[in-house]
Amino acid sequence: MEEVDIHDLQAELNAENLNLCHGILHSSGVRELSDIQYLTEEQIVDMGIDAFDKRNIDRVKEKLSKKNSNNDEGKMPRELSTHRDGAFDRKVLSRFEVEELQDFAIQTICAENNIYTGQLFSIEQCEQLNRMSEHHAYKQIGTISGGWTDQIYTLTAQHMAAKNVPGMIASTKIIMRQLIQELYIMFPEIVPGSICYENDGEPHLVKYSGKAKGTVAHTDNSEYKFITVNAILSGQDEYSGGGTYITVIDETIKLDQGQVLIHLGDLEHAGAEIKSGVRRLFIAFFACEWKDASLNKPIQENARDFVCEG
């Protein structure tokens, strides 16, 4: 797949004293500075931009409106949105109606190693989750451990627990509940009713902004044989590079927006280098109990705090 040339929005915002607005502007559809001219007053208010940043945005809008650039002539306005609800809405059911089931369109990458892909979210749902997380992160600027942090997982530079984002757990609850039922079908060796989030910090969000080193080859879920679910929230035109390299099949898996990669936590994998743009992920580590009791025993060398002697 041909790599796209990603505009350096962060650098442009830095030059206009809007560096702290990168996340919230990008999640609303701004991909280059000139896109700011298409933001309406209502959208800026809906973003919750503070007075200082709003003055700078208004200044940039005024400057852009006066600019007579051939590059902007005939340019179609980028579709911008600040909506943080609606994409997950479902029909309200009467007492005896059955809940609408989602088709996850599961496909097998490698049956021998339990590697699968599917469709977890729609594009509209991905964009809503991005706006929700960035709105929350912007509001947390200046607070201790608020918004994006590097304090939870050592392999990723920016992450955030979904429970900290107002409305995110409620919005994704039905889909994640149905996904768990799908996992029982995919992994019939799991004891029914045993799948749950590995810890209180799941699910979580990950963001790579700009050029970022890939993660080293590693396994997830510590010393136990659990399940990893990794969904991409960015469109492939929003970043270059990236993808998940899986050692055993010697292949890098790149997903389309809303697609999910599912594998067991003891599968060795690595994140490919991000060359530019913004790559966002929605990740869940699930714990489970296996019918084969031997699979429930911890493997010490996979433990996060294991130190090899000698």
Protein backbone atom coordinates (compact mmCIF):
# COMPACT_ATOMS: atom_id res chain seq x y z
CA MET A 1 0.00 0.00 0.00
CA GLU A 2 1.41 3.42 -0.99
CA GLU A 3 2.32 5.67 1.92
CA VAL A 4 0.54 9.03 2.08
CA ASP A 5 2.27 12.36 2.58
CA ILE A 6 1.01 13.67 5.92
CA HIS A 7 0.83 17.42 6.48
CA ASP A 8 2.78 18.62 9.57
CA LEU A 9 -0.16 20.23 11.36
CA GLN A 10 1.64 20.34 14.70
CA ALA A 11 4.42 22.54 13.31
CA GLU A 12 1.90 24.97 11.82
CA LEU A 13 -0.04 25.18 15.07
CA ASN A 14 3.16 25.72 17.04
CA ALA A 15 3.93 28.76 14.88
CA GLU A 16 0.50 30.22 15.69
CA ASN A 17 0.67 29.57 19.46
CA LEU A 18 -1.95 26.84 19.09
CA ASN A 19 0.28 23.92 20.00
CA LEU A 20 -2.02 22.74 22.82
CA CYS A 21 -4.96 22.56 20.42
CA HIS A 22 -3.46 19.95 18.09
CA GLY A 23 -5.45 17.02 19.46
CA ILE A 24 -8.84 18.68 19.62
CA LEU A 25 -8.45 20.34 16.21
CA HIS A 26 -7.15 17.19 14.53
CA SER A 27 -9.95 15.05 15.94
CA SER A 28 -12.46 17.55 14.54
CA GLY A 29 -11.07 17.11 11.03
CA VAL A 30 -8.42 19.84 10.78
CA ARG A 31 -5.47 18.43 8.83
CA GLU A 32 -3.66 21.65 7.89
CA LEU A 33 -3.77 25.21 9.19
CA SER A 34 -5.97 26.47 6.34
CA ASP A 35 -8.76 24.10 7.47
CA ILE A 36 -9.30 26.28 10.55
CA GLN A 37 -11.12 28.83 8.36
CA TYR A 38 -13.97 26.35 7.95
CA LEU A 39 -14.68 26.07 11.68
CA THR A 40 -17.93 27.74 12.66
CA GLU A 41 -18.37 29.75 15.84
CA GLU A 42 -20.69 27.03 17.12
CA GLN A 43 -18.06 24.35 16.54
CA ILE A 44 -15.38 26.33 18.34
CA VAL A 45 -17.71 26.78 21.32
CA ASP A 46 -18.63 23.07 21.21
CA MET A 47 -14.94 22.16 21.39
CA GLY A 48 -14.72 23.98 24.70
CA ILE A 49 -11.70 26.02 23.59
CA ASP A 50 -10.53 28.39 26.35
CA ALA A 51 -10.49 32.15 25.88
CA PHE A 52 -6.76 32.40 25.11
CA ASP A 53 -6.80 29.69 22.43
CA LYS A 54 -10.08 30.99 21.01
CA ARG A 55 -8.50 34.41 20.43
CA ASN A 56 -5.66 32.76 18.54
CA ILE A 57 -8.08 30.65 16.48
CA ASP A 58 -10.14 33.75 15.65
CA ARG A 59 -6.93 35.55 14.65
CA VAL A 60 -5.88 32.68 12.38
CA LYS A 61 -9.37 32.55 10.82
CA GLU A 62 -9.25 36.28 10.09
CA LYS A 63 -5.77 36.00 8.60
CA LEU A 64 -6.83 33.11 6.40
CA SER A 65 -9.95 34.91 5.21
CA LYS A 66 -7.82 37.84 4.05
CA LYS A 67 -5.22 35.66 2.41
CA ASN A 68 -5.40 35.64 -1.37
CA SER A 69 -3.65 32.36 -2.18
CA ASN A 70 -4.00 30.49 -5.43
CA ASN A 71 -3.50 27.33 -3.46
CA ASP A 72 -6.85 27.86 -1.73
CA GLU A 73 -8.83 28.89 -4.80
CA GLY A 74 -11.42 26.29 -5.64
CA LYS A 75 -10.46 24.21 -2.63
CA MET A 76 -13.36 22.22 -1.23
CA PRO A 77 -13.88 22.89 2.50
CA ARG A 78 -12.87 19.94 4.67
CA GLU A 79 -15.79 18.39 6.50
CA LEU A 80 -15.34 19.26 10.16
CA SER A 81 -17.29 17.95 13.13
CA THR A 82 -17.19 18.42 16.89
CA HIS A 83 -20.02 16.01 17.72
CA ARG A 84 -19.26 13.76 20.68
CA ASP A 85 -22.45 11.71 20.65
CA GLY A 86 -24.86 10.00 18.29
CA ALA A 87 -22.61 7.52 16.48
CA PHE A 88 -23.39 4.72 18.95
CA ASP A 89 -27.12 5.39 19.22
CA ARG A 90 -29.34 2.33 18.90
CA LYS A 91 -33.05 1.81 18.66
CA VAL A 92 -34.78 1.85 22.04
CA LEU A 93 -36.13 -1.66 22.53
CA SER A 94 -39.54 -2.55 23.85
CA ARG A 95 -39.83 -5.19 26.55
CA PHE A 96 -39.80 -8.23 24.26
CA GLU A 97 -37.59 -6.99 21.43
CA VAL A 98 -34.21 -8.65 20.90
CA GLU A 99 -31.05 -6.55 20.93
CA GLU A 100 -29.60 -5.94 17.47
CA LEU A 101 -26.44 -8.00 17.07
CA GLN A 102 -23.34 -6.53 15.45
CA ASP A 103 -21.67 -8.39 12.62
CA PHE A 104 -17.96 -8.25 13.48
CA ALA A 105 -17.07 -9.79 10.10
CA ILE A 106 -14.33 -11.91 11.70
CA GLN A 107 -11.67 -13.14 9.28
CA THR A 108 -8.85 -15.56 10.04
CA ILE A 109 -5.28 -14.40 9.47
CA CYS A 110 -3.69 -17.55 10.91
CA ALA A 111 -5.84 -20.22 12.54
CA GLU A 112 -2.84 -22.12 13.89
CA ASN A 113 -1.75 -19.10 15.92
CA ASN A 114 -5.23 -17.71 16.67
CA ILE A 115 -4.81 -14.43 14.78
CA TYR A 116 -8.00 -12.75 13.55
CA THR A 117 -9.29 -9.44 12.22
CA GLY A 118 -12.77 -7.98 12.17
CA GLN A 119 -14.78 -4.75 12.22
CA LEU A 120 -15.27 -3.36 15.72
CA PHE A 121 -16.39 0.22 15.04
CA SER A 122 -17.83 2.19 12.13
CA ILE A 123 -15.89 5.19 10.80
CA GLU A 124 -18.41 7.53 12.48
CA GLN A 125 -17.92 5.73 15.79
CA CYS A 126 -14.14 5.97 15.50
CA GLU A 127 -14.35 9.69 14.88
CA GLN A 128 -16.67 10.18 17.83
CA LEU A 129 -14.29 8.31 20.14
CA ASN A 130 -11.41 10.46 18.88
CA ARG A 131 -13.33 13.67 19.56
CA MET A 132 -14.42 12.46 23.00
CA SER A 133 -10.87 11.58 24.05
CA GLU A 134 -9.31 14.78 22.71
CA HIS A 135 -12.02 16.98 24.24
CA HIS A 136 -11.30 15.34 27.59
CA ALA A 137 -7.53 15.65 27.12
CA TYR A 138 -7.82 19.36 26.27
CA LYS A 139 -9.87 19.98 29.40
CA GLN A 140 -7.19 18.22 31.49
CA ILE A 141 -4.27 20.37 30.27
CA GLY A 142 -2.36 21.59 33.31
CA THR A 143 -3.72 18.96 35.69
CA ILE A 144 -1.60 16.19 37.20
CA SER A 145 -1.96 12.84 35.35
CA GLY A 146 -4.89 14.21 33.36
CA GLY A 147 -5.56 13.46 29.72
CA TRP A 148 -2.86 11.63 27.78
CA THR A 149 -0.19 10.10 29.99
CA ASP A 150 2.87 7.84 29.80
CA GLN A 151 2.47 6.50 33.33
CA ILE A 152 0.52 3.27 32.72
CA TYR A 153 2.10 1.31 29.89
CA THR A 154 5.83 1.45 29.27
CA LEU A 155 5.77 0.69 25.54
CA THR A 156 3.51 3.54 24.39
CA ALA A 157 4.17 7.26 24.81
CA GLN A 158 0.56 8.45 25.08
CA HIS A 159 -2.31 6.49 26.52
CA MET A 160 -5.53 7.07 28.42
CA ALA A 161 -7.99 4.81 30.25
CA ALA A 162 -11.37 4.82 28.51
CA LYS A 163 -13.12 5.06 31.90
CA ASN A 164 -11.58 8.51 32.38
CA VAL A 165 -13.28 9.87 29.25
CA PRO A 166 -16.85 10.94 30.07
CA GLY A 167 -19.34 8.77 28.20
CA MET A 168 -16.86 6.45 26.51
CA ILE A 169 -17.57 3.29 28.50
CA ALA A 170 -21.32 3.84 28.19
CA SER A 171 -21.05 4.45 24.43
CA THR A 172 -19.03 1.30 23.73
CA LYS A 173 -20.68 -0.96 26.33
CA ILE A 174 -23.06 -2.84 24.01
CA ILE A 175 -20.41 -3.43 21.33
CA MET A 176 -17.84 -4.66 23.84
CA ARG A 177 -20.41 -6.94 25.52
CA GLN A 178 -21.27 -8.47 22.16
CA LEU A 179 -17.57 -8.79 21.29
CA ILE A 180 -17.02 -10.85 24.42
CA GLN A 181 -19.77 -13.23 23.29
CA GLU A 182 -18.02 -13.44 19.91
CA LEU A 183 -14.75 -14.33 21.66
CA TYR A 184 -16.41 -17.35 23.27
CA ILE A 185 -17.29 -18.57 19.77
CA MET A 186 -13.79 -17.89 18.46
CA PHE A 187 -12.14 -19.55 21.46
CA PRO A 188 -14.42 -22.44 22.53
CA GLU A 189 -11.69 -23.64 24.91
CA ILE A 190 -12.47 -20.72 27.23
CA VAL A 191 -14.74 -21.35 30.23
CA PRO A 192 -18.11 -19.64 29.53
CA GLY A 193 -18.64 -16.54 31.62
CA SER A 194 -14.96 -16.13 32.52
CA ILE A 195 -13.92 -13.35 30.12
CA CYS A 196 -13.47 -9.97 31.78
CA TYR A 197 -11.15 -6.97 31.49
CA GLU A 198 -7.67 -7.79 32.77
CA ASN A 199 -7.67 -4.82 35.14
CA ASP A 200 -9.51 -1.61 36.01
CA GLY A 201 -7.59 0.34 33.37
CA GLU A 202 -9.16 -1.50 30.44
CA PRO A 203 -10.05 -0.72 27.77
CA HIS A 204 -7.53 2.02 27.03
CA LEU A 205 -6.62 4.41 24.23
CA VAL A 206 -3.20 4.89 22.64
CA LYS A 207 -2.04 7.78 20.45
CA TYR A 208 1.11 8.29 18.39
CA SER A 209 1.63 11.86 17.16
CA GLY A 210 4.25 12.60 14.53
CA LYS A 211 7.28 10.43 13.98
CA ALA A 212 7.44 7.72 16.66
CA LYS A 213 9.64 4.69 17.18
CA GLY A 214 7.96 1.33 16.96
CA THR A 215 7.56 -0.88 19.99
CA VAL A 216 10.00 -3.74 20.53
CA ALA A 217 8.86 -7.34 20.08
CA HIS A 218 6.86 -8.26 23.15
CA THR A 219 3.92 -10.24 24.52
CA ASP A 220 0.87 -8.86 26.35
CA ASN A 221 -1.11 -9.80 29.44
CA SER A 222 1.86 -10.62 31.65
CA GLU A 223 2.38 -14.27 32.55
CA TYR A 224 -1.12 -15.53 31.75
CA LYS A 225 -2.64 -16.68 28.45
CA PHE A 226 -5.21 -13.94 27.93
CA ILE A 227 -6.67 -12.11 24.87
CA THR A 228 -5.63 -8.84 23.19
CA VAL A 229 -8.08 -6.75 21.14
CA ASN A 230 -6.52 -3.87 19.20
CA ALA A 231 -8.72 -1.56 17.07
CA ILE A 232 -7.47 1.29 14.86
CA LEU A 233 -9.38 4.58 15.24
CA SER A 234 -7.45 6.53 12.57
CA GLY A 235 -7.97 6.41 8.85
CA GLN A 236 -4.97 5.28 6.80
CA ASP A 237 -4.78 8.77 5.26
CA GLU A 238 -4.10 10.22 8.74
CA TYR A 239 -0.69 8.60 9.28
CA SER A 240 2.12 6.83 7.49
CA GLY A 241 4.00 3.80 8.71
CA GLY A 242 2.51 1.85 11.60
CA GLY A 243 0.93 -1.58 11.75
CA THR A 244 1.50 -4.63 13.94
CA TYR A 245 4.37 -6.95 13.06
CA ILE A 246 3.71 -10.55 14.15
CA THR A 247 6.87 -12.59 14.51
CA VAL A 248 5.50 -16.09 13.96
CA ILE A 249 4.00 -15.25 10.55
CA ASP A 250 6.66 -12.64 9.65
CA GLU A 251 3.99 -10.19 8.53
CA THR A 252 2.92 -6.64 9.40
CA ILE A 253 -0.85 -6.28 9.72
CA LYS A 254 -2.28 -2.88 8.71
CA LEU A 255 -5.94 -2.27 9.42
CA ASP A 256 -8.53 0.08 7.98
CA GLN A 257 -10.32 2.51 10.29
CA GLY A 258 -12.55 0.67 12.76
CA GLN A 259 -10.99 -2.74 12.13
CA VAL A 260 -9.65 -4.82 14.98
CA LEU A 261 -6.80 -7.30 15.42
CA ILE A 262 -7.48 -10.12 17.88
CA HIS A 263 -4.84 -12.51 19.19
CA LEU A 264 -3.74 -14.26 22.37
CA GLY A 265 -1.59 -12.20 24.69
CA ASP A 266 1.36 -14.60 24.54
CA LEU A 267 1.80 -13.98 20.81
CA GLU A 268 5.02 -12.07 20.15
CA HIS A 269 4.40 -8.87 18.18
CA ALA A 270 5.78 -5.37 17.69
CA GLY A 271 4.45 -1.99 16.63
CA ALA A 272 5.94 -0.67 13.38
CA GLU A 273 7.48 2.81 13.31
CA ILE A 274 5.12 5.74 12.74
CA LYS A 275 6.64 8.01 10.11
CA SER A 276 4.17 10.92 10.33
CA GLY A 277 0.62 11.90 11.20
CA VAL A 278 -1.56 10.68 14.06
CA ARG A 279 -2.33 7.02 14.76
CA ARG A 280 -4.99 6.27 17.37
CA LEU A 281 -5.86 2.89 18.88
CA PHE A 282 -8.56 1.44 21.12
CA ILE A 283 -7.10 -1.53 23.01
CA ALA A 284 -8.54 -4.02 25.47
CA PHE A 285 -6.69 -6.71 27.41
CA PHE A 286 -9.09 -9.47 28.46
CA ALA A 287 -8.49 -12.05 31.18
CA CYS A 288 -10.09 -15.48 30.88
CA GLU A 289 -10.12 -19.01 32.28
CA TRP A 290 -9.35 -21.98 30.03
CA LYS A 291 -11.07 -25.37 30.21
CA ASP A 292 -7.59 -26.93 30.11
CA ALA A 293 -6.37 -26.12 33.63
CA SER A 294 -2.73 -26.25 32.51
CA LEU A 295 -3.29 -23.09 30.44
CA ASN A 296 -4.30 -21.17 33.56
CA LYS A 297 -0.91 -21.58 35.22
CA PRO A 298 1.38 -18.53 35.13
CA ILE A 299 4.49 -18.63 32.96
CA GLN A 300 7.08 -16.84 35.05
CA GLU A 301 9.36 -15.79 32.20
CA ASN A 302 6.46 -13.88 30.62
CA ALA A 303 5.81 -11.88 33.79
CA ARG A 304 6.39 -8.15 33.52
CA ASP A 305 8.66 -8.14 36.57
CA PHE A 306 10.59 -11.31 35.70
CA VAL A 307 14.39 -10.99 35.85
CA CYS A 308 16.44 -13.78 34.28
CA GLU A 309 19.15 -15.09 36.62
CA GLY A 310 22.65 -15.88 35.51
